[in-house]
């Protein structure tokens, strides 16, 4: 009698685990907006300088605030470049399987800004923003210090 209870408990636990795995797979498969559209080439025919913001599924208030501020500062500091497609902003969920290539390329986990020059494709130079200032002016200075040299290299051909 004791063995029957143990077998029933193991079978029930196993069924519960299978149901959880199936639910996770379906949730990942049906996640809205998981895949972003590919970045179109800039007016010069090259890929843009991309400001990536990496995050996870769980988003704290600080993470959401940082992403919003980074997106706003990018749009303000590089308005003309974004209009021409020379600069782009992308928020990337590190937990989505569709983003595994980017996560591996930059070795990121979450809440991590990276600026990458995609002019010659995905193997171009990139830099991480090691410190994220908490104010817009400081963030703008830090972002411009990473993006402007990449844009200048394009113009100088080096």
N, C-alpha and C. Protein backbone atom coordinates (compact mmCIF):
# COMPACT_ATOMS: atom_id res chain seq x y z
N UNK A 1 0.82 -1.19 0.00
CA UNK A 1 0.00 0.00 0.00
C UNK A 1 0.87 1.26 0.00
N UNK A 2 1.94 1.22 0.75
CA UNK A 2 2.84 2.37 0.84
C UNK A 2 3.50 2.66 -0.51
N UNK A 3 3.87 1.59 -1.26
CA UNK A 3 4.48 1.76 -2.57
C UNK A 3 3.53 2.37 -3.57
N UNK A 4 2.25 2.05 -3.50
CA UNK A 4 1.26 2.62 -4.42
C UNK A 4 1.15 4.13 -4.22
N UNK A 5 1.16 4.58 -2.98
CA UNK A 5 1.09 6.02 -2.70
C UNK A 5 2.32 6.73 -3.24
N UNK A 6 3.47 6.10 -3.07
CA UNK A 6 4.71 6.69 -3.57
C UNK A 6 4.68 6.78 -5.10
N UNK A 7 4.22 5.73 -5.77
CA UNK A 7 4.14 5.73 -7.24
C UNK A 7 3.16 6.80 -7.71
N UNK A 8 2.02 6.90 -7.05
CA UNK A 8 1.03 7.92 -7.42
C UNK A 8 1.62 9.32 -7.23
N UNK A 9 2.32 9.54 -6.15
CA UNK A 9 2.94 10.85 -5.89
C UNK A 9 3.99 11.17 -6.95
N UNK A 10 4.81 10.20 -7.34
CA UNK A 10 5.84 10.42 -8.36
C UNK A 10 5.19 10.72 -9.71
N UNK A 11 4.17 9.98 -10.07
CA UNK A 11 3.47 10.20 -11.34
C UNK A 11 2.82 11.58 -11.34
N UNK A 12 2.19 11.96 -10.24
CA UNK A 12 1.56 13.28 -10.16
C UNK A 12 2.60 14.39 -10.27
N UNK A 13 3.72 14.23 -9.60
CA UNK A 13 4.80 15.22 -9.68
C UNK A 13 5.34 15.32 -11.10
N UNK A 14 5.54 14.19 -11.73
CA UNK A 14 6.03 14.16 -13.10
C UNK A 14 5.04 14.84 -14.05
N UNK A 15 3.74 14.58 -13.88
CA UNK A 15 2.72 15.22 -14.72
C UNK A 15 2.71 16.73 -14.51
N UNK A 16 2.88 17.15 -13.26
CA UNK A 16 2.92 18.58 -12.95
C UNK A 16 4.12 19.24 -13.63
N UNK A 17 5.28 18.59 -13.61
CA UNK A 17 6.48 19.13 -14.25
C UNK A 17 6.29 19.23 -15.76
N UNK A 18 5.72 18.21 -16.38
CA UNK A 18 5.48 18.22 -17.83
C UNK A 18 4.52 19.36 -18.19
N UNK A 19 3.48 19.54 -17.41
CA UNK A 19 2.52 20.62 -17.67
C UNK A 19 3.21 21.99 -17.56
N UNK A 20 4.08 22.16 -16.59
CA UNK A 20 4.81 23.43 -16.44
C UNK A 20 5.74 23.70 -17.60
N UNK A 21 6.43 22.68 -18.04
CA UNK A 21 7.34 22.84 -19.19
C UNK A 21 6.54 23.18 -20.45
N UNK A 22 5.43 22.48 -20.66
CA UNK A 22 4.59 22.75 -21.83
C UNK A 22 4.06 24.18 -21.80
N UNK A 23 3.62 24.64 -20.64
CA UNK A 23 3.12 26.02 -20.51
C UNK A 23 4.21 27.03 -20.82
N UNK A 24 5.42 26.78 -20.34
CA UNK A 24 6.54 27.70 -20.60
C UNK A 24 6.88 27.75 -22.09
N UNK A 25 6.88 26.60 -22.74
CA UNK A 25 7.18 26.56 -24.18
C UNK A 25 6.11 27.31 -24.96
N UNK A 26 4.84 27.09 -24.63
CA UNK A 26 3.76 27.79 -25.33
C UNK A 26 3.82 29.30 -25.08
N UNK A 27 4.13 29.69 -23.86
CA UNK A 27 4.23 31.12 -23.54
C UNK A 27 5.36 31.76 -24.34
N UNK A 28 6.50 31.10 -24.45
CA UNK A 28 7.64 31.62 -25.21
C UNK A 28 7.31 31.69 -26.69
N UNK A 29 6.63 30.67 -27.19
CA UNK A 29 6.28 30.61 -28.61
C UNK A 29 5.30 31.70 -28.99
N UNK A 30 4.37 32.00 -28.09
CA UNK A 30 3.31 32.95 -28.41
C UNK A 30 3.56 34.35 -27.84
N UNK A 31 4.76 34.61 -27.38
CA UNK A 31 5.06 35.92 -26.79
C UNK A 31 4.92 37.01 -27.83
N UNK A 32 4.11 38.04 -27.56
CA UNK A 32 3.93 39.11 -28.54
C UNK A 32 5.16 39.99 -28.64
N UNK A 33 5.49 40.40 -29.83
CA UNK A 33 6.60 41.33 -30.05
C UNK A 33 7.95 40.76 -29.74
N UNK A 34 8.07 39.45 -29.71
CA UNK A 34 9.34 38.83 -29.33
C UNK A 34 10.42 39.15 -30.34
N UNK A 35 10.11 39.02 -31.59
CA UNK A 35 11.10 39.28 -32.63
C UNK A 35 10.94 40.70 -33.13
N UNK A 36 12.05 41.40 -33.20
CA UNK A 36 11.99 42.76 -33.73
C UNK A 36 12.29 42.71 -35.21
N UNK A 37 11.76 43.69 -35.89
CA UNK A 37 12.05 43.79 -37.31
C UNK A 37 13.54 44.01 -37.50
N UNK A 38 14.11 43.47 -38.58
CA UNK A 38 15.52 43.72 -38.83
C UNK A 38 15.77 45.21 -39.02
N UNK A 39 16.98 45.63 -38.67
CA UNK A 39 17.32 47.03 -38.82
C UNK A 39 17.53 47.35 -40.29
N UNK A 40 16.80 48.33 -40.82
CA UNK A 40 17.02 48.70 -42.23
C UNK A 40 18.35 49.43 -42.37
N UNK A 41 18.94 49.39 -43.56
CA UNK A 41 20.18 50.12 -43.75
C UNK A 41 19.95 51.63 -43.65
N UNK A 42 20.98 52.33 -43.25
CA UNK A 42 20.93 53.78 -43.17
C UNK A 42 20.95 54.37 -44.58
N UNK A 43 20.83 55.67 -44.66
CA UNK A 43 20.82 56.35 -45.95
C UNK A 43 22.11 56.08 -46.74
N UNK A 44 23.21 55.82 -46.03
CA UNK A 44 24.48 55.54 -46.70
C UNK A 44 24.61 54.07 -47.11
N UNK A 45 23.54 53.27 -46.88
CA UNK A 45 23.56 51.87 -47.27
C UNK A 45 24.20 50.95 -46.25
N UNK A 46 24.70 51.51 -45.17
CA UNK A 46 25.34 50.71 -44.13
C UNK A 46 24.37 50.48 -42.98
N UNK A 47 24.70 49.53 -42.13
CA UNK A 47 23.90 49.31 -40.93
C UNK A 47 24.10 50.46 -39.96
N UNK A 48 23.15 50.67 -39.06
CA UNK A 48 23.24 51.81 -38.13
C UNK A 48 24.17 51.55 -36.96
N UNK A 49 24.45 52.61 -36.23
CA UNK A 49 25.03 52.49 -34.89
C UNK A 49 23.82 52.24 -34.00
N UNK A 50 23.83 51.12 -33.29
CA UNK A 50 22.66 50.72 -32.50
C UNK A 50 22.94 50.88 -31.02
N UNK A 51 22.03 51.54 -30.34
CA UNK A 51 22.05 51.63 -28.89
C UNK A 51 21.12 50.52 -28.41
N UNK A 52 21.72 49.46 -27.87
CA UNK A 52 20.96 48.33 -27.35
C UNK A 52 20.76 48.50 -25.86
N UNK A 53 19.56 48.20 -25.39
CA UNK A 53 19.33 48.13 -23.95
C UNK A 53 18.82 46.73 -23.64
N UNK A 54 19.59 45.96 -22.90
CA UNK A 54 19.24 44.58 -22.58
C UNK A 54 18.52 44.52 -21.24
N UNK A 55 17.47 43.71 -21.19
CA UNK A 55 16.68 43.55 -19.98
C UNK A 55 16.16 42.13 -19.92
N UNK A 56 15.55 41.76 -18.80
CA UNK A 56 14.94 40.45 -18.63
C UNK A 56 13.43 40.54 -18.64
N UNK A 57 12.76 39.41 -18.40
CA UNK A 57 11.29 39.41 -18.34
C UNK A 57 10.81 40.24 -17.17
N UNK A 58 11.42 40.03 -16.00
CA UNK A 58 11.03 40.78 -14.81
C UNK A 58 11.64 42.16 -14.90
N UNK A 59 10.81 43.18 -14.81
CA UNK A 59 11.27 44.56 -14.98
C UNK A 59 10.95 45.35 -13.72
N UNK A 60 11.97 45.79 -13.03
CA UNK A 60 11.77 46.64 -11.85
C UNK A 60 11.56 48.09 -12.32
N UNK A 61 11.17 48.93 -11.40
CA UNK A 61 10.93 50.33 -11.74
C UNK A 61 12.21 51.01 -12.24
N UNK A 62 13.34 50.68 -11.64
CA UNK A 62 14.62 51.27 -12.08
C UNK A 62 14.99 50.85 -13.49
N UNK A 63 14.75 49.60 -13.83
CA UNK A 63 15.05 49.09 -15.17
C UNK A 63 14.17 49.79 -16.20
N UNK A 64 12.89 49.91 -15.90
CA UNK A 64 11.97 50.59 -16.84
C UNK A 64 12.34 52.06 -17.00
N UNK A 65 12.70 52.71 -15.89
CA UNK A 65 13.10 54.12 -15.93
C UNK A 65 14.37 54.30 -16.75
N UNK A 66 15.35 53.40 -16.56
CA UNK A 66 16.60 53.49 -17.31
C UNK A 66 16.36 53.30 -18.80
N UNK A 67 15.55 52.31 -19.16
CA UNK A 67 15.26 52.09 -20.58
C UNK A 67 14.57 53.31 -21.19
N UNK A 68 13.57 53.84 -20.49
CA UNK A 68 12.83 55.01 -20.99
C UNK A 68 13.77 56.20 -21.18
N UNK A 69 14.61 56.44 -20.18
CA UNK A 69 15.53 57.57 -20.25
C UNK A 69 16.55 57.37 -21.37
N UNK A 70 17.07 56.16 -21.52
CA UNK A 70 18.04 55.88 -22.58
C UNK A 70 17.41 56.07 -23.96
N UNK A 71 16.18 55.62 -24.12
CA UNK A 71 15.48 55.79 -25.40
C UNK A 71 15.24 57.28 -25.69
N UNK A 72 14.81 58.02 -24.69
CA UNK A 72 14.56 59.46 -24.86
C UNK A 72 15.85 60.21 -25.19
N UNK A 73 16.92 59.92 -24.45
CA UNK A 73 18.19 60.61 -24.68
C UNK A 73 18.73 60.28 -26.07
N UNK A 74 18.60 59.03 -26.49
CA UNK A 74 19.05 58.65 -27.83
C UNK A 74 18.27 59.43 -28.88
N UNK A 75 16.96 59.51 -28.71
CA UNK A 75 16.11 60.23 -29.68
C UNK A 75 16.41 61.72 -29.70
N UNK A 76 16.72 62.30 -28.54
CA UNK A 76 17.01 63.73 -28.47
C UNK A 76 18.41 64.05 -29.00
N UNK A 77 19.40 63.28 -28.58
CA UNK A 77 20.79 63.57 -28.93
C UNK A 77 21.10 63.23 -30.38
N UNK A 78 20.36 62.29 -30.95
CA UNK A 78 20.67 61.81 -32.30
C UNK A 78 19.42 61.83 -33.19
N UNK A 79 18.63 62.90 -33.08
CA UNK A 79 17.37 62.99 -33.83
C UNK A 79 17.60 62.88 -35.34
N UNK A 80 18.53 63.64 -35.87
CA UNK A 80 18.78 63.61 -37.32
C UNK A 80 19.33 62.25 -37.75
N UNK A 81 20.21 61.68 -36.93
CA UNK A 81 20.81 60.39 -37.25
C UNK A 81 19.77 59.27 -37.19
N UNK A 82 18.83 59.37 -36.26
CA UNK A 82 17.77 58.36 -36.18
C UNK A 82 16.84 58.48 -37.38
N UNK A 83 16.56 59.71 -37.79
CA UNK A 83 15.69 59.92 -38.96
C UNK A 83 16.32 59.34 -40.22
N UNK A 84 17.64 59.47 -40.36
CA UNK A 84 18.32 58.95 -41.55
C UNK A 84 18.64 57.47 -41.43
N UNK A 85 18.42 56.91 -40.24
CA UNK A 85 18.69 55.49 -40.04
C UNK A 85 20.13 55.19 -39.65
N UNK A 86 20.93 56.22 -39.41
CA UNK A 86 22.33 56.03 -39.03
C UNK A 86 22.46 55.60 -37.58
N UNK A 87 21.48 55.95 -36.74
CA UNK A 87 21.45 55.54 -35.34
C UNK A 87 20.08 54.91 -35.08
N UNK A 88 20.08 53.84 -34.29
CA UNK A 88 18.83 53.17 -33.92
C UNK A 88 18.88 52.77 -32.46
N UNK A 89 17.71 52.61 -31.87
CA UNK A 89 17.60 52.15 -30.48
C UNK A 89 16.83 50.84 -30.49
N UNK A 90 17.31 49.86 -29.72
CA UNK A 90 16.63 48.57 -29.59
C UNK A 90 16.66 48.12 -28.14
N UNK A 91 15.49 47.79 -27.59
CA UNK A 91 15.40 47.15 -26.28
C UNK A 91 15.31 45.65 -26.54
N UNK A 92 16.18 44.88 -25.90
CA UNK A 92 16.29 43.45 -26.16
C UNK A 92 16.09 42.66 -24.87
N UNK A 93 15.17 41.71 -24.89
CA UNK A 93 14.94 40.85 -23.74
C UNK A 93 15.94 39.69 -23.81
N UNK A 94 16.82 39.60 -22.82
CA UNK A 94 17.86 38.56 -22.83
C UNK A 94 17.30 37.16 -22.60
N UNK A 95 16.06 37.08 -22.13
CA UNK A 95 15.46 35.78 -21.85
C UNK A 95 14.69 35.21 -23.04
N UNK A 96 14.50 35.97 -24.10
CA UNK A 96 13.83 35.47 -25.30
C UNK A 96 14.83 34.71 -26.15
N UNK A 97 14.46 33.51 -26.53
CA UNK A 97 15.35 32.67 -27.32
C UNK A 97 15.72 33.31 -28.66
N UNK A 98 14.85 34.15 -29.19
CA UNK A 98 15.12 34.81 -30.46
C UNK A 98 16.32 35.75 -30.38
N UNK A 99 16.72 36.13 -29.17
CA UNK A 99 17.81 37.09 -28.99
C UNK A 99 19.11 36.45 -28.56
N UNK A 100 19.21 35.14 -28.64
CA UNK A 100 20.39 34.43 -28.14
C UNK A 100 21.68 34.89 -28.83
N UNK A 101 21.62 35.18 -30.12
CA UNK A 101 22.82 35.63 -30.83
C UNK A 101 23.36 36.94 -30.27
N UNK A 102 22.47 37.90 -30.02
CA UNK A 102 22.90 39.18 -29.45
C UNK A 102 23.42 39.01 -28.02
N UNK A 103 22.75 38.20 -27.24
CA UNK A 103 23.17 37.98 -25.86
C UNK A 103 24.57 37.37 -25.83
N UNK A 104 24.81 36.39 -26.68
CA UNK A 104 26.13 35.76 -26.73
C UNK A 104 27.17 36.71 -27.30
N UNK A 105 26.81 37.47 -28.31
CA UNK A 105 27.76 38.40 -28.93
C UNK A 105 28.30 39.41 -27.92
N UNK A 106 27.41 39.94 -27.10
CA UNK A 106 27.82 40.98 -26.15
C UNK A 106 28.04 40.45 -24.74
N UNK A 107 27.82 39.18 -24.51
CA UNK A 107 27.99 38.56 -23.18
C UNK A 107 27.25 39.33 -22.10
N UNK A 108 25.96 39.58 -22.33
CA UNK A 108 25.17 40.36 -21.39
C UNK A 108 24.19 39.48 -20.65
N UNK A 109 23.72 39.99 -19.52
CA UNK A 109 22.69 39.30 -18.77
C UNK A 109 21.41 40.14 -18.77
N UNK A 110 21.45 41.30 -18.18
CA UNK A 110 20.28 42.18 -18.18
C UNK A 110 20.70 43.57 -17.70
N UNK A 111 19.80 44.52 -17.92
CA UNK A 111 20.00 45.93 -17.53
C UNK A 111 21.40 46.40 -17.92
N UNK A 112 21.61 46.31 -19.21
CA UNK A 112 22.96 46.52 -19.71
C UNK A 112 22.91 47.23 -21.07
N UNK A 113 23.31 48.50 -21.16
CA UNK A 113 23.36 49.18 -22.45
C UNK A 113 24.67 48.86 -23.20
N UNK A 114 24.53 48.66 -24.50
CA UNK A 114 25.67 48.42 -25.38
C UNK A 114 25.46 49.27 -26.63
N UNK A 115 26.53 49.86 -27.13
CA UNK A 115 26.48 50.61 -28.38
C UNK A 115 27.33 49.85 -29.39
N UNK A 116 26.72 49.51 -30.54
CA UNK A 116 27.40 48.71 -31.55
C UNK A 116 27.30 49.37 -32.91
N UNK A 117 28.42 49.38 -33.63
CA UNK A 117 28.45 49.91 -34.99
C UNK A 117 28.18 48.75 -35.94
N UNK A 118 27.01 48.75 -36.54
CA UNK A 118 26.58 47.67 -37.43
C UNK A 118 26.85 48.03 -38.90
N UNK A 119 27.73 49.01 -39.16
CA UNK A 119 27.99 49.47 -40.53
C UNK A 119 28.37 48.32 -41.44
N UNK A 120 29.20 47.43 -40.97
CA UNK A 120 29.66 46.30 -41.78
C UNK A 120 29.07 44.99 -41.31
N UNK A 121 27.92 45.05 -40.66
CA UNK A 121 27.27 43.84 -40.19
C UNK A 121 27.47 43.63 -38.71
N UNK A 122 27.08 42.44 -38.24
CA UNK A 122 27.07 42.19 -36.79
C UNK A 122 28.43 41.94 -36.16
N UNK A 123 29.51 42.03 -36.91
CA UNK A 123 30.83 41.81 -36.31
C UNK A 123 31.61 43.10 -36.12
N UNK A 124 30.90 44.22 -36.17
CA UNK A 124 31.56 45.51 -36.03
C UNK A 124 31.93 45.81 -34.59
N UNK A 125 32.60 46.93 -34.37
CA UNK A 125 33.02 47.30 -33.02
C UNK A 125 31.83 47.64 -32.13
N UNK A 126 31.99 47.38 -30.86
CA UNK A 126 30.95 47.71 -29.90
C UNK A 126 31.58 48.03 -28.55
N UNK A 127 30.82 48.75 -27.74
CA UNK A 127 31.27 49.09 -26.39
C UNK A 127 30.09 49.04 -25.45
N UNK A 128 30.35 48.58 -24.25
CA UNK A 128 29.30 48.60 -23.25
C UNK A 128 29.36 49.91 -22.48
N UNK A 129 28.22 50.34 -21.99
CA UNK A 129 28.17 51.50 -21.10
C UNK A 129 28.33 50.95 -19.69
N UNK A 130 29.53 51.12 -19.16
CA UNK A 130 29.86 50.49 -17.88
C UNK A 130 29.14 51.13 -16.70
N UNK A 131 28.89 52.42 -16.79
CA UNK A 131 28.19 53.11 -15.71
C UNK A 131 27.02 53.86 -16.32
N UNK A 132 25.85 53.66 -15.76
CA UNK A 132 24.64 54.31 -16.27
C UNK A 132 24.31 55.49 -15.36
N UNK A 133 24.56 56.72 -15.82
CA UNK A 133 24.22 57.88 -15.00
C UNK A 133 22.72 57.93 -14.73
N UNK A 134 22.33 58.44 -13.58
CA UNK A 134 20.92 58.50 -13.20
C UNK A 134 20.19 59.73 -13.67
N UNK A 135 20.90 60.65 -14.32
CA UNK A 135 20.24 61.87 -14.82
C UNK A 135 20.42 61.95 -16.33
N UNK A 136 19.51 62.67 -17.00
CA UNK A 136 19.52 62.74 -18.46
C UNK A 136 20.78 63.40 -19.01
N UNK A 137 21.26 64.46 -18.36
CA UNK A 137 22.45 65.14 -18.86
C UNK A 137 23.68 64.22 -18.79
N UNK A 138 23.83 63.54 -17.68
CA UNK A 138 24.95 62.61 -17.53
C UNK A 138 24.85 61.45 -18.50
N UNK A 139 23.63 60.95 -18.69
CA UNK A 139 23.41 59.85 -19.63
C UNK A 139 23.70 60.30 -21.05
N UNK A 140 23.29 61.51 -21.37
CA UNK A 140 23.56 62.03 -22.72
C UNK A 140 25.06 62.13 -22.97
N UNK A 141 25.81 62.64 -22.01
CA UNK A 141 27.26 62.75 -22.16
C UNK A 141 27.90 61.37 -22.33
N UNK A 142 27.48 60.41 -21.51
CA UNK A 142 28.04 59.06 -21.60
C UNK A 142 27.69 58.40 -22.93
N UNK A 143 26.46 58.60 -23.39
CA UNK A 143 26.02 58.01 -24.65
C UNK A 143 26.73 58.65 -25.84
N UNK A 144 26.83 59.96 -25.82
CA UNK A 144 27.53 60.64 -26.92
C UNK A 144 29.00 60.25 -26.97
N UNK A 145 29.61 60.00 -25.81
CA UNK A 145 31.02 59.59 -25.78
C UNK A 145 31.22 58.24 -26.46
N UNK A 146 30.19 57.42 -26.53
CA UNK A 146 30.29 56.13 -27.20
C UNK A 146 29.86 56.20 -28.67
N UNK A 147 28.78 56.93 -28.94
CA UNK A 147 28.20 56.95 -30.29
C UNK A 147 28.96 57.88 -31.24
N UNK A 148 29.31 59.07 -30.79
CA UNK A 148 29.95 60.05 -31.70
C UNK A 148 31.23 59.51 -32.34
N UNK A 149 32.14 58.84 -31.61
CA UNK A 149 33.33 58.30 -32.27
C UNK A 149 32.99 57.25 -33.34
N UNK A 150 31.96 56.46 -33.11
CA UNK A 150 31.57 55.47 -34.12
C UNK A 150 31.04 56.16 -35.37
N UNK A 151 30.28 57.23 -35.19
CA UNK A 151 29.78 57.98 -36.34
C UNK A 151 30.93 58.68 -37.06
N UNK A 152 31.89 59.20 -36.31
CA UNK A 152 33.04 59.89 -36.91
C UNK A 152 33.89 58.91 -37.74
N UNK A 153 34.05 57.68 -37.27
CA UNK A 153 34.80 56.67 -38.03
C UNK A 153 34.17 56.41 -39.38
N UNK A 154 32.86 56.44 -39.44
CA UNK A 154 32.16 56.23 -40.72
C UNK A 154 32.49 57.35 -41.70
N UNK A 155 32.50 58.57 -41.18
CA UNK A 155 32.77 59.73 -42.05
C UNK A 155 34.23 59.78 -42.47
N UNK A 156 35.10 59.36 -41.55
CA UNK A 156 36.54 59.39 -41.85
C UNK A 156 37.01 58.18 -42.60
N UNK A 157 36.17 57.14 -42.68
CA UNK A 157 36.55 55.93 -43.41
C UNK A 157 37.53 55.05 -42.68
N UNK A 158 37.83 55.36 -41.41
CA UNK A 158 38.77 54.52 -40.66
C UNK A 158 38.06 53.63 -39.70
